[in-house]
Amino acid sequence: MVTTLGAQDLVLCSGTLRRRASFHERISAALAGGFAGMSLWGRDYRLARAEGLGDSDLLAMIEDNGLSVAEMDLAWSWLPGAAEVRIPPALDDQDVFCFSEVELFAIARTIGARSVNAVDVFGGSWTLDDAAEAFAALCRRAAEHDLLVQLEFVPWSRIPDLRTAWEIVKSADQPNGGITVDSWHYFRGTPDAALLATIPGQVIVGVQLSDGPALAERDLVQATLHERLLPGDGEMDLRELLTCLRLAGSEAPIGVEVFSDALHELEPVEAATRAGEAARRVL
């Protein structure tokens, strides 16, 4: 299992760069922004292969530049009933559902990823016990590929906040299972510093920073995919969140995930440079 990234390392999350950024551009951007790692989506891998890069080329580019892949997005089919959902390609505007779990694991293994990110996309009538059982099973499958699993809570899902994610992860009780704390989702959900302080630091295996106004946007899905702000440019109390994480003993690397139409208009190197500088100011 790749565990070289730690609390002092910054990770350039895929969504901070424009969608069609090439693999060469992503590598250059990560280096220019002073990042130690990067995250990738299945679509980034597919684009790289379409550019003519083989698996050995991708791994060499990552390793030769001293980078690591922090996580792969997006495990979506693990909850009860989710695997049976079929999303037509025309409706899959984020290119998520065209990658099965088997394919995602294979990509993660190919590029030496540390973890996969798991979310609830479709909801359903399952209970938290059902979710914990499903998460435990996902973790066991991921362990066969030496991967951590990061459960990311999302405000409009049935895993909407830190408390729910912690109940699932604690009940699943898997050594490679943990939580992603995305600052945008944390503050748009139910922020709970007191709870965060009680969660063992090793359970927080992923952190993602972005910012936004104090008052929640009317359309959270629109805002999270198009209107996030660089760390420090909004009114979310990122310093308090980071202090809580450090006091809890989290050694998770710090990702910068800023889905922003304005940022995506910039060249990848410029976008990553701004993202890295903003994160370091907050830290």
Protein backbone atom coordinates (compact mmCIF):
# COMPACT_ATOMS: atom_id res chain seq x y z
CA MET A 1 0.00 0.00 0.00
CA VAL A 2 1.37 3.43 -0.96
CA THR A 3 1.69 5.45 2.26
CA THR A 4 4.41 7.95 1.39
CA LEU A 5 2.09 10.96 1.62
CA GLY A 6 1.60 12.54 5.02
CA ALA A 7 0.22 15.57 6.83
CA GLN A 8 2.88 17.92 5.47
CA ASP A 9 2.11 17.05 1.85
CA LEU A 10 -0.22 18.89 -0.52
CA VAL A 11 -2.23 17.01 -3.13
CA LEU A 12 -3.47 18.59 -6.36
CA CYS A 13 -6.97 17.20 -6.77
CA SER A 14 -8.11 16.48 -10.29
CA GLY A 15 -11.11 18.81 -10.13
CA THR A 16 -8.93 21.87 -9.52
CA LEU A 17 -7.80 21.70 -13.15
CA ARG A 18 -9.98 21.98 -16.21
CA ARG A 19 -11.62 18.77 -17.33
CA ARG A 20 -9.61 18.19 -20.52
CA ALA A 21 -6.17 18.87 -19.04
CA SER A 22 -3.73 16.35 -20.47
CA PHE A 23 -1.67 14.04 -18.28
CA HIS A 24 1.47 16.01 -19.15
CA GLU A 25 -0.31 19.20 -18.09
CA ARG A 26 -1.40 17.62 -14.81
CA ILE A 27 2.15 16.56 -13.98
CA SER A 28 3.54 19.99 -14.88
CA ALA A 29 0.80 21.70 -12.87
CA ALA A 30 1.46 19.61 -9.77
CA LEU A 31 5.17 20.41 -9.91
CA ALA A 32 4.60 24.12 -10.54
CA GLY A 33 2.19 24.35 -7.61
CA GLY A 34 4.55 22.61 -5.19
CA PHE A 35 2.36 19.55 -4.73
CA ALA A 36 3.70 16.20 -3.57
CA GLY A 37 0.76 14.23 -4.92
CA MET A 38 -2.24 14.33 -7.20
CA SER A 39 -5.64 12.73 -7.41
CA LEU A 40 -7.12 11.29 -10.57
CA TRP A 41 -10.52 10.27 -11.89
CA GLY A 42 -11.06 7.34 -14.19
CA ARG A 43 -11.70 9.84 -16.98
CA ASP A 44 -8.19 11.30 -16.53
CA TYR A 45 -6.69 7.86 -17.03
CA ARG A 46 -8.84 7.21 -20.09
CA LEU A 47 -7.81 10.54 -21.63
CA ALA A 48 -4.14 9.77 -21.00
CA ARG A 49 -4.47 6.42 -22.74
CA ALA A 50 -6.21 8.15 -25.66
CA GLU A 51 -3.20 10.47 -25.86
CA GLY A 52 -1.08 7.39 -26.55
CA LEU A 53 0.41 6.92 -23.08
CA GLY A 54 0.74 3.35 -21.85
CA ASP A 55 0.47 2.22 -18.23
CA SER A 56 4.25 2.09 -17.85
CA ASP A 57 4.50 5.63 -19.28
CA LEU A 58 2.01 6.97 -16.76
CA LEU A 59 3.69 5.32 -13.79
CA ALA A 60 7.12 6.50 -14.94
CA MET A 61 5.91 10.08 -15.34
CA ILE A 62 4.49 10.03 -11.82
CA GLU A 63 7.48 8.43 -10.15
CA ASP A 64 10.22 10.18 -12.15
CA ASN A 65 8.79 13.53 -11.07
CA GLY A 66 8.70 12.53 -7.41
CA LEU A 67 4.91 12.50 -7.23
CA SER A 68 2.36 10.08 -5.77
CA VAL A 69 -1.29 9.44 -6.57
CA ALA A 70 -3.23 10.12 -3.39
CA GLU A 71 -6.61 8.78 -4.48
CA MET A 72 -8.77 7.62 -7.34
CA ASP A 73 -12.33 8.83 -7.81
CA LEU A 74 -15.04 7.57 -7.74
CA ALA A 75 -16.37 4.36 -6.18
CA TRP A 76 -20.15 4.70 -6.66
CA SER A 77 -21.59 1.18 -6.88
CA TRP A 78 -20.84 -0.19 -3.40
CA LEU A 79 -24.08 0.63 -1.56
CA PRO A 80 -27.14 -1.67 -1.71
CA GLY A 81 -28.90 -1.31 -5.06
CA ALA A 82 -26.36 1.07 -6.61
CA ALA A 83 -24.74 -1.54 -8.86
CA GLU A 84 -28.07 -2.21 -10.53
CA VAL A 85 -28.53 1.42 -11.61
CA ARG A 86 -27.78 2.08 -15.27
CA ILE A 87 -26.91 5.62 -16.34
CA PRO A 88 -26.87 6.19 -20.11
CA PRO A 89 -23.62 7.75 -21.37
CA ALA A 90 -25.54 10.82 -22.55
CA LEU A 91 -26.58 11.52 -18.94
CA ASP A 92 -23.19 10.73 -17.40
CA ASP A 93 -21.86 14.28 -17.77
CA GLN A 94 -19.09 13.70 -15.22
CA ASP A 95 -17.91 10.42 -16.80
CA VAL A 96 -18.31 8.58 -13.50
CA PHE A 97 -20.67 5.69 -14.16
CA CYS A 98 -18.76 4.36 -17.15
CA PHE A 99 -16.12 2.97 -14.77
CA SER A 100 -16.95 -0.14 -12.79
CA GLU A 101 -15.37 -0.94 -9.46
CA VAL A 102 -13.18 -3.57 -11.11
CA GLU A 103 -11.93 -1.02 -13.62
CA LEU A 104 -11.34 1.60 -10.94
CA PHE A 105 -9.31 -0.80 -8.83
CA ALA A 106 -7.27 -1.84 -11.86
CA ILE A 107 -6.48 1.78 -12.72
CA ALA A 108 -5.58 2.55 -9.12
CA ARG A 109 -3.21 -0.38 -8.99
CA THR A 110 -1.64 0.53 -12.33
CA ILE A 111 -0.72 4.05 -11.26
CA GLY A 112 0.18 3.21 -7.66
CA ALA A 113 -2.72 5.04 -6.02
CA ARG A 114 -2.94 5.16 -2.24
CA SER A 115 -6.74 4.98 -1.99
CA VAL A 116 -10.12 5.11 -3.68
CA ASN A 117 -12.80 7.62 -2.76
CA ALA A 118 -16.29 6.23 -2.02
CA VAL A 119 -19.54 8.21 -2.01
CA ASP A 120 -23.29 7.70 -1.93
CA VAL A 121 -24.72 8.77 -5.28
CA PHE A 122 -28.16 7.19 -5.53
CA GLY A 123 -29.45 6.96 -1.97
CA GLY A 124 -32.03 4.26 -1.33
CA SER A 125 -33.87 2.64 1.54
CA TRP A 126 -30.82 1.03 3.14
CA THR A 127 -30.06 1.48 6.83
CA LEU A 128 -26.79 2.60 8.38
CA ASP A 129 -26.15 -1.04 9.32
CA ASP A 130 -26.60 -1.96 5.66
CA ALA A 131 -24.21 0.82 4.64
CA ALA A 132 -21.61 -0.32 7.18
CA GLU A 133 -21.80 -3.88 5.90
CA ALA A 134 -21.45 -2.67 2.31
CA PHE A 135 -18.53 -0.39 3.23
CA ALA A 136 -16.77 -3.25 5.01
CA ALA A 137 -17.16 -5.42 1.92
CA LEU A 138 -15.78 -2.63 -0.29
CA CYS A 139 -12.80 -2.26 2.03
CA ARG A 140 -12.09 -5.98 1.89
CA ARG A 141 -12.18 -5.93 -1.92
CA ALA A 142 -9.93 -2.87 -1.98
CA ALA A 143 -7.47 -4.52 0.41
CA GLU A 144 -6.85 -7.18 -2.22
CA HIS A 145 -5.33 -4.34 -4.27
CA ASP A 146 -3.48 -2.74 -1.32
CA LEU A 147 -5.81 0.26 -1.33
CA LEU A 148 -7.28 2.42 1.39
CA VAL A 149 -10.95 3.42 1.06
CA GLN A 150 -12.01 6.98 1.88
CA LEU A 151 -15.69 7.51 2.63
CA GLU A 152 -16.67 11.04 1.61
CA PHE A 153 -19.86 12.51 3.05
CA VAL A 154 -21.91 14.79 0.79
CA PRO A 155 -24.70 17.06 2.19
CA TRP A 156 -27.46 16.06 -0.26
CA SER A 157 -26.78 12.32 0.01
CA ARG A 158 -27.88 9.77 2.60
CA ILE A 159 -24.39 10.10 4.07
CA PRO A 160 -24.70 13.86 4.55
CA ASP A 161 -22.26 14.68 7.32
CA LEU A 162 -19.31 13.68 9.46
CA ARG A 163 -21.45 11.96 12.11
CA THR A 164 -23.09 9.61 9.61
CA ALA A 165 -19.79 8.78 7.90
CA TRP A 166 -18.17 8.06 11.26
CA GLU A 167 -21.00 5.75 12.31
CA ILE A 168 -20.57 3.75 9.10
CA VAL A 169 -16.78 3.57 9.25
CA LYS A 170 -16.73 2.75 12.96
CA SER A 171 -19.30 -0.01 12.53
CA ALA A 172 -17.51 -1.42 9.45
CA ASP A 173 -14.29 -1.62 11.50
CA GLN A 174 -11.87 -2.21 8.62
CA PRO A 175 -8.15 -1.40 8.94
CA ASN A 176 -8.06 0.18 5.46
CA GLY A 177 -11.31 2.13 5.81
CA GLY A 178 -11.49 5.80 6.77
CA ILE A 179 -13.12 9.16 6.14
CA THR A 180 -12.47 12.01 3.73
CA VAL A 181 -13.14 15.42 5.21
CA ASP A 182 -13.88 17.78 2.33
CA SER A 183 -14.11 21.28 3.79
CA TRP A 184 -16.85 22.34 1.37
CA HIS A 185 -19.07 19.39 2.26
CA TYR A 186 -18.20 19.72 5.96
CA PHE A 187 -19.36 23.33 6.19
CA ARG A 188 -22.33 22.88 3.86
CA GLY A 189 -23.49 19.91 5.91
CA THR A 190 -23.44 19.89 9.70
CA PRO A 191 -20.02 21.07 10.88
CA ASP A 192 -19.20 19.55 14.25
CA ALA A 193 -15.80 20.42 15.71
CA ALA A 194 -16.60 18.66 18.99
CA LEU A 195 -17.31 15.40 17.17
CA LEU A 196 -14.25 15.76 14.96
CA ALA A 197 -12.10 16.05 18.07
CA THR A 198 -13.31 12.63 19.28
CA ILE A 199 -12.60 10.71 16.06
CA PRO A 200 -9.23 8.92 16.08
CA GLY A 201 -6.83 10.76 13.81
CA GLN A 202 -5.92 7.67 11.84
CA VAL A 203 -9.53 7.37 10.67
CA ILE A 204 -9.25 10.68 8.78
CA VAL A 205 -7.34 9.43 5.75
CA GLY A 206 -8.19 12.24 3.33
CA VAL A 207 -8.61 16.01 3.59
CA GLN A 208 -9.76 18.27 0.75
CA LEU A 209 -9.71 22.06 0.99
CA SER A 210 -11.78 24.65 -0.81
CA ASP A 211 -13.74 27.66 0.35
CA GLY A 212 -17.05 29.43 -0.09
CA PRO A 213 -19.29 32.15 1.33
CA ALA A 214 -20.70 31.80 4.83
CA LEU A 215 -24.25 31.66 3.51
CA ALA A 216 -24.99 28.43 1.66
CA GLU A 217 -25.77 28.66 -2.02
CA ARG A 218 -29.31 27.88 -3.19
CA ASP A 219 -28.18 25.07 -5.50
CA LEU A 220 -25.53 23.08 -3.67
CA VAL A 221 -24.81 20.70 -6.55
CA GLN A 222 -24.26 23.59 -8.97
CA ALA A 223 -22.07 25.39 -6.46
CA THR A 224 -19.92 22.41 -5.53
CA LEU A 225 -19.14 21.61 -9.18
CA HIS A 226 -18.72 25.16 -10.50
CA GLU A 227 -18.43 27.83 -7.80
CA ARG A 228 -15.95 26.79 -5.15
CA LEU A 229 -13.32 29.30 -4.04
CA LEU A 230 -9.63 28.87 -3.35
CA PRO A 231 -8.77 28.25 0.32
CA GLY A 232 -8.78 31.58 2.14
CA ASP A 233 -10.86 33.39 -0.49
CA GLY A 234 -14.18 32.66 1.24
CA GLU A 235 -15.65 32.68 4.72
CA MET A 236 -15.42 29.04 5.79
CA ASP A 237 -13.35 28.63 8.96
CA LEU A 238 -10.66 26.47 7.41
CA ARG A 239 -8.14 27.25 10.11
CA GLU A 240 -10.44 25.91 12.81
CA LEU A 241 -11.06 22.78 10.76
CA LEU A 242 -7.34 22.21 10.19
CA THR A 243 -6.61 22.81 13.87
CA CYS A 244 -9.21 20.18 14.84
CA LEU A 245 -7.69 17.69 12.41
CA ARG A 246 -4.20 18.26 13.76
CA LEU A 247 -5.32 18.01 17.39
CA ALA A 248 -7.06 14.74 16.53
CA GLY A 249 -3.73 13.46 15.20
CA SER A 250 -4.69 13.12 11.55
CA GLU A 251 -1.72 12.44 9.30
CA ALA A 252 -3.76 12.70 6.09
CA PRO A 253 -2.26 14.68 3.21
CA ILE A 254 -4.02 17.94 2.37
CA GLY A 255 -5.78 17.95 -0.97
CA VAL A 256 -6.84 21.13 -2.73
CA GLU A 257 -10.09 20.47 -4.58
CA VAL A 258 -11.56 23.61 -6.09
CA PHE A 259 -14.20 22.93 -8.73
CA SER A 260 -14.46 26.42 -10.20
CA ASP A 261 -15.43 27.60 -13.67
CA ALA A 262 -13.25 30.66 -13.16
CA LEU A 263 -10.22 28.57 -12.19
CA HIS A 264 -10.81 26.16 -15.08
CA GLU A 265 -10.44 29.02 -17.54
CA LEU A 266 -6.78 29.31 -16.54
CA GLU A 267 -3.94 27.26 -17.91
CA PRO A 268 -3.35 24.25 -15.61
CA VAL A 269 0.04 25.49 -14.38
CA GLU A 270 -1.46 28.85 -13.40
CA ALA A 271 -4.46 27.24 -11.71
CA ALA A 272 -2.25 24.86 -9.72
CA THR A 273 0.17 27.61 -8.74
CA ARG A 274 -2.68 29.70 -7.35
CA ALA A 275 -4.15 26.67 -5.57
CA GLY A 276 -0.84 25.73 -3.96
CA GLU A 277 -0.11 29.28 -2.82
CA ALA A 278 -3.62 29.66 -1.38
CA ALA A 279 -3.42 26.40 0.56
CA ARG A 280 -0.01 27.24 2.00
CA ARG A 281 -1.27 30.64 3.19
CA VAL A 282 -4.10 28.94 5.08
CA LEU A 283 -1.82 26.26 6.49
